[in-house]
Amino acid sequence: MARVLPPGLTESDFDAAIARFKDVVGEKHVVTEDGDLARYRDPYPVGGQPAEGASAAVSPETTEQVQEIVRIANEYGVPLSPISTGKNNGYGGGQPRLSGAVVVDTGQRMDRILEVDEKFGYALLEPGVSYFDLYEHLQANAPSLMLDCPDLGWGSVVGNTLDRGVGYTPYGDHLMWQTGLEVVLPTGEVMRTGMGAVPGSNTWQLFQYGFGPFPDGLFTQSNLGIVTKMGIALMQRPPASETFVVSFDREEDLQQVVDIMLPLRINMAPLQNVPVLRNIILDAGVVSKRTEWYDGDGPLPPEAIEEMKSELGLGYWNLYGTVYGPPPVVETYLGMIKDAFLQVPGSRFATTRDRDEATDRGAHVLHDRHRINNGIPSLDEMKLMEFMPNGGHIGFSPVSAPDGADAMKQALMVRRRADEYRKDYAAQFVVGLREMHHIGLFLFDTTDAAARQETLDLARVLIDEAAAEGYGEYRTHNALMDQVMGTYDWGDGALLRFHETVKDALDPNSIMAPGKSGIWGRKYRGQGL
């Protein structure tokens, strides 16, 4: 296959840079062959003609090696695309935003758990540490501590946090609980944030703010550096916990459910964790194949959805949450939650004690949420990709106030468009303290070019329609980053201009992850890449 080189870079400069990278990390840790680069392609490619991938990948072992890679990239004008484990599936995986960029794979060899402090409850990690890695380490060395994991545990703790991912325990807002960074800047200089900037400090992971401006957020969803170390706070494992599901029969129950939820959540009691309201298609998708319910074209018809609900013993909407504490507290909170939500006509309440996943297929998600909400990583949500042949997905994730009218408005808007584009509406609402993430997962056959393009077209329409109603996405696929950033245009685009000003000041040669989050350095800006 023809080589994919970064825009504007000559073969001689590219080859010279690759030779220098090999001198830094060792020849076997630099790959340039197409077959070796397959792991850095989008696992769920979108569009009729998916974007080309990386030109090479370099796997450093130390912060010092990362510094040298960045210096060489500046010398030759080589754009870099840093990743941790590259498991950001549904958002582009490990594929560079700019075709031909060189992936800096910090997850391959920088995978050390540098410190765990059981007394103060934190860990200091390199980017290659997955949720499974950290869980196993805590079980063996600090069993009183509990981590917070997202739906899938194979990803990087550092990478998920930097992309502002979320989990489901009281520590579910991962960025809120990060406790300091070590970052290689686009010039090759290395910096520590917060108290880590004080030589000999013993509070780096205890007080993230330090003194002066707080820069940590500049390195999330950004292209301003490569994070090589990060601290994360860990929760003390509670004496007891129990997970519940409340099932609501009708699609239109959504509005009442969200309005009941807010006062129970906003003070972190009795809804202590991040509650998830999933629809029946999402729940059925992880325990069955689509053909069991419907083998035709277009979205699942109403009778198929009714059959799902009946067979799995679930509602159209199903609310999952976990309560923690001494057993009397757990029972008190469960009673309060049950009383509140059973106000909805036709609703049903159950806990893991009521439904056995060994004999009850509809109880699988309930028990999986119990594991995840207790810091036990899982991969069960990956079964959703088996719902249809060659399954992949793209996410549509607008944020709004946790308001029932907003939830209903969004759900109807997205479902109607999904129907129009012949896609199933598999969705969930994730409620934080004062915001609500509406995550629509649109499944498609990754081998079908028409289906890939149709799914991308649907996402583009939804982004613009949501923005017209004041809803912005919190996270998006590589292919949609420019469009999403364009919706954040208050003040005639003041936010993007600020990002570009910072980008050009810190990265004058535009070598760090060009195009990430719709932010292009001066070298590539305006080229329509």
Protein backbone atom coordinates (compact mmCIF):
# COMPACT_ATOMS: atom_id res chain seq x y z
CA MET A 1 0.00 0.00 0.00
CA ALA A 2 1.08 3.58 -0.63
CA ARG A 3 2.62 5.35 2.35
CA VAL A 4 0.41 7.77 4.23
CA LEU A 5 2.59 10.75 5.09
CA PRO A 6 1.63 13.84 7.06
CA PRO A 7 0.55 16.77 4.88
CA GLY A 8 3.48 18.79 3.57
CA LEU A 9 6.20 16.47 4.88
CA THR A 10 8.74 15.08 2.43
CA GLU A 11 9.66 11.41 2.41
CA SER A 12 13.28 12.26 3.22
CA ASP A 13 12.35 14.30 6.30
CA PHE A 14 9.87 11.64 7.40
CA ASP A 15 12.49 8.88 7.06
CA ALA A 16 15.06 10.95 8.91
CA ALA A 17 12.66 11.55 11.78
CA ILE A 18 11.77 7.86 11.95
CA ALA A 19 15.46 6.95 12.16
CA ARG A 20 15.88 9.40 15.04
CA PHE A 21 12.82 8.00 16.84
CA LYS A 22 14.38 4.53 16.59
CA ASP A 23 17.57 5.84 18.18
CA VAL A 24 15.52 7.08 21.14
CA VAL A 25 13.20 4.14 21.85
CA GLY A 26 14.80 1.22 20.00
CA GLU A 27 14.00 -0.06 16.52
CA LYS A 28 11.39 -2.59 17.61
CA HIS A 29 9.34 0.14 19.30
CA VAL A 30 8.79 2.11 16.08
CA VAL A 31 6.37 0.64 13.53
CA THR A 32 5.70 1.88 10.02
CA GLU A 33 4.23 -1.12 8.20
CA ASP A 34 0.53 -1.08 7.39
CA GLY A 35 -0.20 -4.36 9.17
CA ASP A 36 1.50 -3.19 12.36
CA LEU A 37 -0.46 0.08 12.26
CA ALA A 38 -3.85 -1.65 12.12
CA ARG A 39 -4.33 -1.26 15.89
CA TYR A 40 -4.18 2.52 15.44
CA ARG A 41 -7.16 2.64 13.06
CA ASP A 42 -10.68 3.48 14.09
CA PRO A 43 -12.26 0.14 15.07
CA TYR A 44 -15.66 1.49 13.98
CA PRO A 45 -14.84 3.54 10.86
CA VAL A 46 -17.49 6.03 9.78
CA GLY A 47 -18.28 7.53 6.40
CA GLY A 48 -18.35 5.84 3.03
CA GLN A 49 -14.60 6.38 2.64
CA PRO A 50 -13.04 6.37 6.14
CA ALA A 51 -10.09 8.64 6.87
CA GLU A 52 -6.59 7.30 6.40
CA GLY A 53 -4.65 6.36 9.49
CA ALA A 54 -1.22 6.86 11.04
CA SER A 55 2.08 6.92 9.17
CA ALA A 56 3.96 5.38 12.09
CA ALA A 57 3.74 4.67 15.80
CA VAL A 58 6.40 5.20 18.47
CA SER A 59 6.22 3.58 21.92
CA PRO A 60 8.32 5.38 24.55
CA GLU A 61 9.14 3.92 27.95
CA THR A 62 9.97 7.05 29.96
CA THR A 63 9.08 10.72 30.20
CA GLU A 64 12.58 11.52 28.96
CA GLN A 65 11.97 9.49 25.80
CA VAL A 66 8.70 11.37 25.25
CA GLN A 67 10.64 14.62 25.53
CA GLU A 68 13.13 13.49 22.88
CA ILE A 69 10.34 12.38 20.53
CA VAL A 70 8.71 15.80 20.82
CA ARG A 71 12.00 17.61 20.16
CA ILE A 72 12.63 15.52 17.05
CA ALA A 73 9.09 16.16 15.84
CA ASN A 74 9.70 19.90 16.14
CA GLU A 75 12.96 19.63 14.22
CA TYR A 76 11.36 17.87 11.24
CA GLY A 77 7.82 19.22 11.45
CA VAL A 78 6.28 15.81 12.17
CA PRO A 79 2.73 15.95 13.62
CA LEU A 80 2.23 13.66 16.61
CA SER A 81 -0.91 11.96 17.91
CA PRO A 82 -0.50 10.87 21.55
CA ILE A 83 -2.70 8.07 22.90
CA SER A 84 -2.76 5.97 26.05
CA THR A 85 -4.37 2.58 25.39
CA GLY A 86 -6.30 3.76 22.32
CA LYS A 87 -9.57 2.17 23.52
CA ASN A 88 -11.74 5.24 22.99
CA ASN A 89 -14.02 3.20 20.75
CA GLY A 90 -17.01 5.00 19.30
CA TYR A 91 -14.98 8.22 19.26
CA GLY A 92 -12.22 7.18 16.84
CA GLY A 93 -10.14 4.75 18.91
CA GLY A 94 -6.40 5.27 18.54
CA GLN A 95 -6.63 6.80 15.06
CA PRO A 96 -5.04 10.23 14.60
CA ARG A 97 -7.27 13.20 13.93
CA LEU A 98 -4.86 14.18 11.14
CA SER A 99 -4.17 11.42 8.61
CA GLY A 100 -0.47 10.58 8.45
CA ALA A 101 0.37 11.78 11.96
CA VAL A 102 2.75 9.66 14.03
CA VAL A 103 1.06 8.00 17.00
CA VAL A 104 2.93 8.35 20.29
CA ASP A 105 1.70 5.22 22.05
CA THR A 106 2.36 5.93 25.72
CA GLY A 107 0.25 2.95 26.76
CA GLN A 108 2.45 0.16 25.40
CA ARG A 109 5.41 0.55 27.77
CA MET A 110 4.51 3.38 30.15
CA ASP A 111 2.18 1.16 32.16
CA ARG A 112 3.46 1.42 35.73
CA ILE A 113 1.46 2.00 38.88
CA LEU A 114 3.99 4.29 40.53
CA GLU A 115 2.36 4.72 43.92
CA VAL A 116 -0.75 3.79 45.85
CA ASP A 117 -1.32 5.41 49.23
CA GLU A 118 -3.94 3.51 51.21
CA LYS A 119 -3.97 6.02 54.07
CA PHE A 120 -4.72 9.05 51.91
CA GLY A 121 -6.53 7.19 49.14
CA TYR A 122 -4.80 7.97 45.86
CA ALA A 123 -2.78 6.39 43.08
CA LEU A 124 -0.09 7.84 40.80
CA LEU A 125 -0.21 6.23 37.37
CA GLU A 126 1.35 6.16 33.92
CA PRO A 127 -0.94 6.28 30.86
CA GLY A 128 -0.85 2.55 30.11
CA VAL A 129 -2.51 1.52 33.38
CA SER A 130 -6.00 0.18 32.63
CA TYR A 131 -8.91 -0.05 35.06
CA PHE A 132 -8.35 -3.80 35.21
CA ASP A 133 -4.67 -3.23 36.09
CA LEU A 134 -5.47 -0.80 38.88
CA TYR A 135 -8.28 -2.98 40.25
CA GLU A 136 -6.03 -6.03 40.47
CA HIS A 137 -3.29 -3.99 42.14
CA LEU A 138 -5.71 -2.62 44.74
CA GLN A 139 -7.12 -6.06 45.47
CA ALA A 140 -3.61 -7.36 46.15
CA ASN A 141 -2.08 -4.35 47.88
CA ALA A 142 -4.70 -1.88 49.13
CA PRO A 143 -8.05 -3.69 49.48
CA SER A 144 -9.64 -0.90 51.50
CA LEU A 145 -9.63 1.31 48.38
CA MET A 146 -12.07 1.26 45.49
CA LEU A 147 -11.68 2.78 42.05
CA ASP A 148 -14.36 4.28 39.85
CA CYS A 149 -14.62 2.68 36.40
CA PRO A 150 -16.48 3.51 33.21
CA ASP A 151 -18.65 0.97 31.41
CA LEU A 152 -15.63 -0.81 29.92
CA GLY A 153 -12.58 -1.52 32.07
CA TRP A 154 -9.97 -2.10 29.36
CA GLY A 155 -9.23 1.59 28.80
CA SER A 156 -6.63 3.79 30.42
CA VAL A 157 -7.39 5.53 33.70
CA VAL A 158 -5.33 8.49 32.50
CA GLY A 159 -6.82 8.51 29.01
CA ASN A 160 -10.42 8.33 30.19
CA THR A 161 -9.87 11.17 32.62
CA LEU A 162 -8.17 13.36 30.02
CA ASP A 163 -11.11 12.84 27.66
CA ARG A 164 -13.41 13.82 30.54
CA GLY A 165 -15.00 10.41 30.72
CA VAL A 166 -17.23 9.44 33.61
CA GLY A 167 -17.94 6.52 35.90
CA TYR A 168 -20.79 5.71 38.24
CA THR A 169 -19.71 5.75 41.90
CA PRO A 170 -19.76 8.96 44.00
CA TYR A 171 -16.32 9.54 42.37
CA GLY A 172 -17.88 9.35 38.91
CA ASP A 173 -16.62 12.71 37.58
CA HIS A 174 -13.09 11.53 36.83
CA LEU A 175 -11.62 14.94 36.09
CA MET A 176 -12.89 16.24 39.44
CA TRP A 177 -10.88 13.51 41.17
CA GLN A 178 -7.60 13.76 39.28
CA THR A 179 -4.89 15.04 41.58
CA GLY A 180 -2.05 16.44 39.50
CA LEU A 181 -0.30 15.91 36.17
CA GLU A 182 3.15 15.52 34.71
CA VAL A 183 3.08 16.84 31.14
CA VAL A 184 5.55 17.04 28.27
CA LEU A 185 4.77 20.32 26.53
CA PRO A 186 4.95 20.80 22.74
CA THR A 187 8.46 22.24 23.06
CA GLY A 188 9.76 19.14 24.85
CA GLU A 189 9.84 20.82 28.26
CA VAL A 190 8.33 18.79 31.12
CA MET A 191 6.05 20.34 33.74
CA ARG A 192 4.24 19.17 36.88
CA THR A 193 1.02 20.84 37.95
CA GLY A 194 -0.32 21.74 41.38
CA MET A 195 1.83 20.88 44.39
CA GLY A 196 3.98 18.70 42.12
CA ALA A 197 5.72 21.90 41.05
CA VAL A 198 7.19 22.27 44.57
CA PRO A 199 10.41 20.20 44.78
CA GLY A 200 10.15 17.60 47.54
CA SER A 201 6.43 18.22 48.16
CA ASN A 202 4.54 15.40 49.84
CA THR A 203 1.15 16.85 48.86
CA TRP A 204 1.23 16.51 45.06
CA GLN A 205 -1.69 14.07 45.09
CA LEU A 206 -3.46 15.74 48.02
CA PHE A 207 -4.05 19.33 46.79
CA GLN A 208 -4.40 19.58 43.04
CA TYR A 209 -4.63 23.38 42.79
CA GLY A 210 -1.23 24.54 44.01
CA PHE A 211 -0.61 28.27 43.49
CA GLY A 212 -1.49 30.51 40.58
CA PRO A 213 -3.61 29.61 37.54
CA PHE A 214 -4.91 26.03 37.43
CA PRO A 215 -3.70 24.59 34.09
CA ASP A 216 -4.77 20.94 34.44
CA GLY A 217 -7.96 21.41 32.45
CA LEU A 218 -5.95 22.69 29.48
CA PHE A 219 -4.64 19.17 28.97
CA THR A 220 -8.07 17.52 28.76
CA GLN A 221 -9.64 16.98 25.32
CA SER A 222 -6.73 19.09 24.08
CA ASN A 223 -3.58 19.11 21.99
CA LEU A 224 -1.28 21.04 24.28
CA GLY A 225 0.91 18.27 25.68
CA ILE A 226 1.48 14.61 26.45
CA VAL A 227 0.56 13.56 29.98
CA THR A 228 3.08 11.04 31.32
CA LYS A 229 1.88 10.78 34.94
CA MET A 230 -1.43 11.48 36.66
CA GLY A 231 -2.76 11.12 40.18
CA ILE A 232 -6.28 9.93 40.87
CA ALA A 233 -8.22 9.92 44.14
CA LEU A 234 -9.68 6.60 45.26
CA MET A 235 -12.76 5.95 47.36
CA GLN A 236 -12.74 4.01 50.61
CA ARG A 237 -14.64 0.76 50.06
CA PRO A 238 -17.99 1.03 51.90
CA PRO A 239 -19.12 -1.55 54.47
CA ALA A 240 -22.10 -2.56 52.29
CA SER A 241 -23.82 -1.68 49.04
CA GLU A 242 -26.86 -2.69 47.02
CA THR A 243 -27.86 -2.01 43.43
CA PHE A 244 -31.42 -1.49 42.28
CA VAL A 245 -33.38 -1.14 39.05
CA VAL A 246 -36.63 0.75 38.69
CA SER A 247 -38.46 -0.09 35.45
CA PHE A 248 -40.88 2.35 33.81
CA ASP A 249 -43.22 0.98 31.20
CA ARG A 250 -43.86 3.92 28.89
CA GLU A 251 -41.54 6.05 26.77
CA GLU A 252 -43.32 9.18 27.99
CA ASP A 253 -42.55 8.32 31.64
CA LEU A 254 -39.11 9.83 31.04
CA GLN A 255 -40.15 13.35 31.97
CA GLN A 256 -41.61 12.41 35.36
CA VAL A 257 -38.69 10.10 36.17
CA VAL A 258 -36.04 12.77 35.58
CA ASP A 259 -37.96 15.33 37.63
CA ILE A 260 -38.27 12.88 40.54
CA MET A 261 -34.57 12.07 40.26
CA LEU A 262 -33.11 15.57 40.60
CA PRO A 263 -33.90 16.34 44.28
CA LEU A 264 -32.80 12.83 45.26
CA ARG A 265 -29.49 13.30 43.46
CA ILE A 266 -28.48 16.91 43.91
CA ASN A 267 -27.58 16.48 47.61
CA MET A 268 -25.96 13.08 46.95
CA ALA A 269 -28.55 11.27 49.05
CA PRO A 270 -30.37 8.98 48.79
CA LEU A 271 -29.04 8.75 45.20
CA GLN A 272 -25.35 8.62 46.12
CA ASN A 273 -23.91 7.41 42.85
CA VAL A 274 -24.34 8.50 39.23
CA PRO A 275 -27.72 7.03 38.22
CA VAL A 276 -28.17 5.71 34.69
CA LEU A 277 -31.52 5.63 32.93
CA ARG A 278 -31.26 3.18 30.00
CA ASN A 279 -33.85 2.32 27.40
CA ILE A 280 -34.92 -1.23 26.60
CA ILE A 281 -32.99 -1.38 23.30
CA LEU A 282 -29.72 -0.70 25.11
CA ASP A 283 -30.46 -3.30 27.78
CA ALA A 284 -31.61 -5.94 25.27
CA GLY A 285 -28.57 -5.23 23.13
CA VAL A 286 -26.14 -6.66 25.68
CA VAL A 287 -28.03 -9.94 26.18
CA SER A 288 -29.40 -10.77 22.72
CA LYS A 289 -29.05 -10.37 18.98
CA ARG A 290 -31.32 -8.09 17.01
CA THR A 291 -32.64 -10.92 14.85
CA GLU A 292 -34.25 -12.48 17.91
CA TRP A 293 -36.68 -9.58 17.97
CA TYR A 294 -36.82 -8.35 14.37
CA ASP A 295 -35.14 -9.41 11.15
CA GLY A 296 -36.33 -6.62 8.86
CA ASP A 297 -34.99 -3.30 7.63
CA GLY A 298 -35.40 -0.04 9.48
CA PRO A 299 -35.72 0.59 13.21
CA LEU A 300 -37.21 -1.92 15.61
CA PRO A 301 -41.02 -1.73 15.38
CA PRO A 302 -43.19 -1.15 18.47
CA GLU A 303 -44.22 -4.79 18.70
CA ALA A 304 -40.57 -5.89 18.86
CA ILE A 305 -39.92 -3.42 21.68
CA GLU A 306 -42.95 -4.71 23.57
CA GLU A 307 -41.66 -8.25 23.18
CA MET A 308 -38.27 -7.19 24.57
CA LYS A 309 -39.92 -5.65 27.61
CA SER A 310 -42.05 -8.73 28.26
CA GLU A 311 -39.30 -11.30 27.72
CA LEU A 312 -36.69 -9.45 29.83
CA GLY A 313 -39.02 -8.21 32.55
CA LEU A 314 -37.98 -4.61 32.02
CA GLY A 315 -39.62 -1.31 31.09
CA TYR A 316 -39.06 1.04 28.20
CA TRP A 317 -36.82 3.01 30.61
CA ASN A 318 -34.81 1.32 33.37
CA LEU A 319 -33.08 3.28 36.11
CA TYR A 320 -29.98 1.72 37.71
CA GLY A 321 -28.23 2.98 40.82
CA THR A 322 -26.30 1.82 43.88
CA VAL A 323 -26.43 2.90 47.52
CA TYR A 324 -23.52 2.55 49.96
CA GLY A 325 -22.89 2.55 53.70
CA PRO A 326 -23.66 0.51 56.83
CA PRO A 327 -26.54 -1.93 56.17
CA PRO A 328 -29.17 0.19 58.00
CA VAL A 329 -28.26 3.19 55.85
CA VAL A 330 -28.44 1.08 52.70
CA GLU A 331 -31.91 -0.16 53.60
CA THR A 332 -33.14 3.33 54.51
CA TYR A 333 -31.93 4.81 51.22
CA LEU A 334 -33.39 1.93 49.18
CA GLY A 335 -36.76 2.53 50.85
CA MET A 336 -36.66 6.25 50.08
CA ILE A 337 -35.76 5.60 46.43
CA LYS A 338 -38.47 2.96 46.04
CA ASP A 339 -41.14 5.21 47.53
CA ALA A 340 -40.15 8.11 45.30
CA PHE A 341 -40.11 6.31 41.96
CA LEU A 342 -43.10 4.03 42.52
CA GLN A 343 -45.17 7.19 42.21
CA VAL A 344 -44.84 6.62 38.46
CA PRO A 345 -47.81 4.47 37.38
CA GLY A 346 -46.82 0.95 36.40
CA SER A 347 -43.24 1.22 37.71
CA ARG A 348 -41.47 -1.76 39.32
CA PHE A 349 -38.57 -1.86 41.81
CA ALA A 350 -36.02 -4.66 42.30
CA THR A 351 -32.52 -5.20 43.69
CA THR A 352 -29.86 -7.80 42.97
CA ARG A 353 -31.43 -9.84 45.79
CA ASP A 354 -34.70 -10.05 43.88
CA ARG A 355 -33.41 -11.04 40.44
CA ASP A 356 -30.83 -13.79 39.82
CA GLU A 357 -28.69 -13.24 36.73
CA ALA A 358 -27.99 -16.99 36.44
CA THR A 359 -31.65 -17.70 35.66
CA ASP A 360 -32.98 -14.29 34.59
CA ARG A 361 -31.56 -12.83 31.40
CA GLY A 362 -33.21 -9.49 32.09
CA ALA A 363 -31.24 -9.19 35.33
CA HIS A 364 -27.85 -9.22 33.62
CA VAL A 365 -27.49 -5.44 33.34
CA LEU A 366 -28.57 -5.01 36.98
CA HIS A 367 -25.79 -7.29 38.19
CA ASP A 368 -23.24 -5.81 35.79
CA ARG A 369 -24.07 -2.34 37.09
CA HIS A 370 -23.58 -3.68 40.63
CA ARG A 371 -20.06 -4.78 39.72
CA ILE A 372 -19.19 -1.53 37.94
CA ASN A 373 -20.71 0.61 40.70
CA ASN A 374 -18.51 -1.24 43.20
CA GLY A 375 -15.31 -0.56 41.29
CA ILE A 376 -15.06 -3.95 39.57
CA PRO A 377 -14.17 -3.42 35.90
CA SER A 378 -16.23 -5.23 33.29
CA LEU A 379 -16.30 -5.77 29.53
CA ASP A 380 -19.90 -6.95 29.37
CA GLU A 381 -21.10 -3.80 27.62
CA MET A 382 -19.00 -4.85 24.61
CA LYS A 383 -21.68 -7.47 23.93
CA LEU A 384 -23.75 -4.63 22.53
CA MET A 385 -21.52 -4.79 19.44
CA GLU A 386 -22.84 -8.31 18.80
CA PHE A 387 -26.44 -7.07 18.56
CA MET A 388 -25.96 -6.82 14.79
CA PRO A 389 -23.36 -8.28 12.40
CA ASN A 390 -19.94 -6.55 12.32
CA GLY A 391 -21.26 -4.13 14.90
CA GLY A 392 -19.82 -0.71 15.54
CA HIS A 393 -21.24 2.47 16.98
CA ILE A 394 -20.94 6.20 17.04
CA GLY A 395 -22.07 8.29 19.97
CA PHE A 396 -24.21 11.41 20.11
CA SER A 397 -23.82 12.98 23.55
CA PRO A 398 -25.51 16.33 24.23
CA VAL A 399 -25.56 17.85 27.71
CA SER A 400 -28.51 19.62 29.27
CA ALA A 401 -29.98 20.51 32.63
CA PRO A 402 -31.34 17.46 34.50
CA ASP A 403 -34.87 18.53 33.67
CA GLY A 404 -37.72 16.25 32.62
CA ALA A 405 -38.92 18.51 29.81
CA ASP A 406 -35.40 18.70 28.37
CA ALA A 407 -35.01 14.93 28.58
CA MET A 408 -38.31 14.28 26.80
CA LYS A 409 -37.57 16.90 24.15
CA GLN A 410 -34.17 15.39 23.40
CA ALA A 411 -35.40 11.80 23.40
CA LEU A 412 -38.18 12.51 20.91
CA MET A 413 -35.91 14.61 18.70
CA VAL A 414 -33.22 11.93 18.53
CA ARG A 415 -35.57 8.97 18.17
CA ARG A 416 -37.48 10.60 15.31
CA ARG A 417 -34.27 11.34 13.44
CA ALA A 418 -33.00 7.82 14.15
CA ASP A 419 -36.24 6.44 12.69
CA GLU A 420 -35.75 8.60 9.61
CA TYR A 421 -32.20 7.30 9.14
CA ARG A 422 -33.31 3.70 9.82
CA LYS A 423 -31.35 3.34 13.05
CA ASP A 424 -32.38 1.93 16.42
CA TYR A 425 -32.50 4.44 19.26
CA ALA A 426 -30.32 2.79 21.93
CA ALA A 427 -29.86 5.45 24.60
CA GLN A 428 -29.21 6.37 28.18
CA PHE A 429 -29.43 9.46 30.35
CA VAL A 430 -26.63 9.85 32.89
CA VAL A 431 -27.42 12.34 35.65
CA GLY A 432 -24.62 14.10 37.50
CA LEU A 433 -25.35 16.67 40.16
CA ARG A 434 -26.53 19.58 38.02
CA GLU A 435 -26.21 18.28 34.48
CA MET A 436 -27.48 15.45 32.36
CA HIS A 437 -25.63 13.56 29.62
CA HIS A 438 -27.90 12.09 26.96
CA ILE A 439 -25.90 9.39 25.18
CA GLY A 440 -27.36 7.94 22.01
CA LEU A 441 -25.46 4.95 20.57
CA PHE A 442 -26.16 4.37 16.90
CA LEU A 443 -25.19 0.86 15.87
CA PHE A 444 -24.17 0.05 12.30
CA ASP A 445 -22.51 -2.66 10.21
CA THR A 446 -18.89 -1.53 9.89
CA THR A 447 -18.46 -3.45 6.61
CA ASP A 448 -21.35 -1.62 4.90
CA ALA A 449 -20.18 1.66 3.34
CA ALA A 450 -23.74 2.95 2.95
CA ALA A 451 -24.53 2.22 6.61
CA ARG A 452 -21.31 3.94 7.72
CA GLN A 453 -22.17 7.06 5.74
CA GLU A 454 -25.79 7.05 6.85
CA THR A 455 -24.72 6.89 10.50
CA LEU A 456 -22.28 9.77 10.07
CA ASP A 457 -24.94 11.82 8.29
CA LEU A 458 -27.37 11.19 11.15
CA ALA A 459 -24.83 12.35 13.73
CA ARG A 460 -24.14 15.53 11.73
CA VAL A 461 -27.84 16.40 11.52
CA LEU A 462 -28.32 15.80 15.25
CA ILE A 463 -25.34 17.96 16.22
CA ASP A 464 -26.77 20.95 14.36
CA GLU A 465 -30.32 20.39 15.56
CA ALA A 466 -29.21 20.03 19.17
CA ALA A 467 -27.10 23.18 18.96
CA ALA A 468 -30.08 25.10 17.58
CA GLU A 469 -31.90 24.16 20.81
CA GLY A 470 -28.94 25.14 23.00
CA TYR A 471 -27.55 21.64 23.59
CA GLY A 472 -23.81 21.08 23.13
CA GLU A 473 -21.97 17.76 22.92
CA TYR A 474 -19.44 17.01 25.64
CA ARG A 475 -17.38 14.55 23.59
CA THR A 476 -17.38 13.39 19.99
CA HIS A 477 -15.85 11.26 17.26
CA ASN A 478 -12.74 12.46 15.40
CA ALA A 479 -14.77 12.98 12.24
CA LEU A 480 -17.16 15.37 14.01
CA MET A 481 -14.76 17.46 16.09
CA ASP A 482 -14.67 20.53 13.84
CA GLN A 483 -18.45 20.58 13.61
CA VAL A 484 -18.95 20.26 17.38
CA MET A 485 -16.38 22.94 18.18
CA GLY A 486 -18.20 25.15 15.68
CA THR A 487 -21.34 24.95 17.79
CA TYR A 488 -19.52 26.55 20.75
CA ASP A 489 -19.69 29.92 18.98
CA TRP A 490 -20.99 32.39 21.56
CA GLY A 491 -19.24 35.73 21.18
CA ASP A 492 -18.55 35.10 17.51
CA GLY A 493 -16.33 32.12 18.32
CA ALA A 494 -14.41 33.65 21.25
CA LEU A 495 -13.75 30.24 22.81
CA LEU A 496 -12.13 28.79 19.69
CA ARG A 497 -10.04 31.94 19.21
CA PHE A 498 -8.80 31.57 22.78
CA HIS A 499 -7.92 27.91 22.15
CA GLU A 500 -6.06 28.85 18.96
CA THR A 501 -4.14 31.63 20.71
CA VAL A 502 -2.99 29.24 23.45
CA LYS A 503 -2.22 26.56 20.86
CA ASP A 504 -0.01 28.82 18.78
CA ALA A 505 1.83 30.12 21.85
CA LEU A 506 2.60 26.67 23.30
CA ASP A 507 2.97 24.78 20.00
CA PRO A 508 4.40 27.20 17.42
CA ASN A 509 5.27 24.36 15.01
CA SER A 510 1.80 22.75 15.24
CA ILE A 511 3.20 19.31 15.99
CA MET A 512 0.91 18.23 18.85
CA ALA A 513 -2.28 16.37 17.82
CA PRO A 514 -3.42 18.77 15.07
CA GLY A 515 -7.19 19.04 14.87
CA LYS A 516 -7.93 17.43 18.23
CA SER A 517 -11.24 18.86 19.50
CA GLY A 518 -11.43 21.05 16.39
CA ILE A 519 -8.31 23.03 17.37
CA TRP A 520 -5.73 23.39 14.59
CA GLY A 521 -2.31 24.98 14.91
CA ARG A 522 -1.33 27.80 12.59
CA LYS A 523 0.42 25.42 10.16
CA TYR A 524 -2.77 23.49 9.32
CA ARG A 525 -5.51 26.01 10.06
CA GLY A 526 -7.97 26.72 7.28
CA GLN A 527 -6.82 23.87 5.06
CA GLY A 528 -10.04 21.87 5.39
CA LEU A 529 -8.23 18.77 6.68
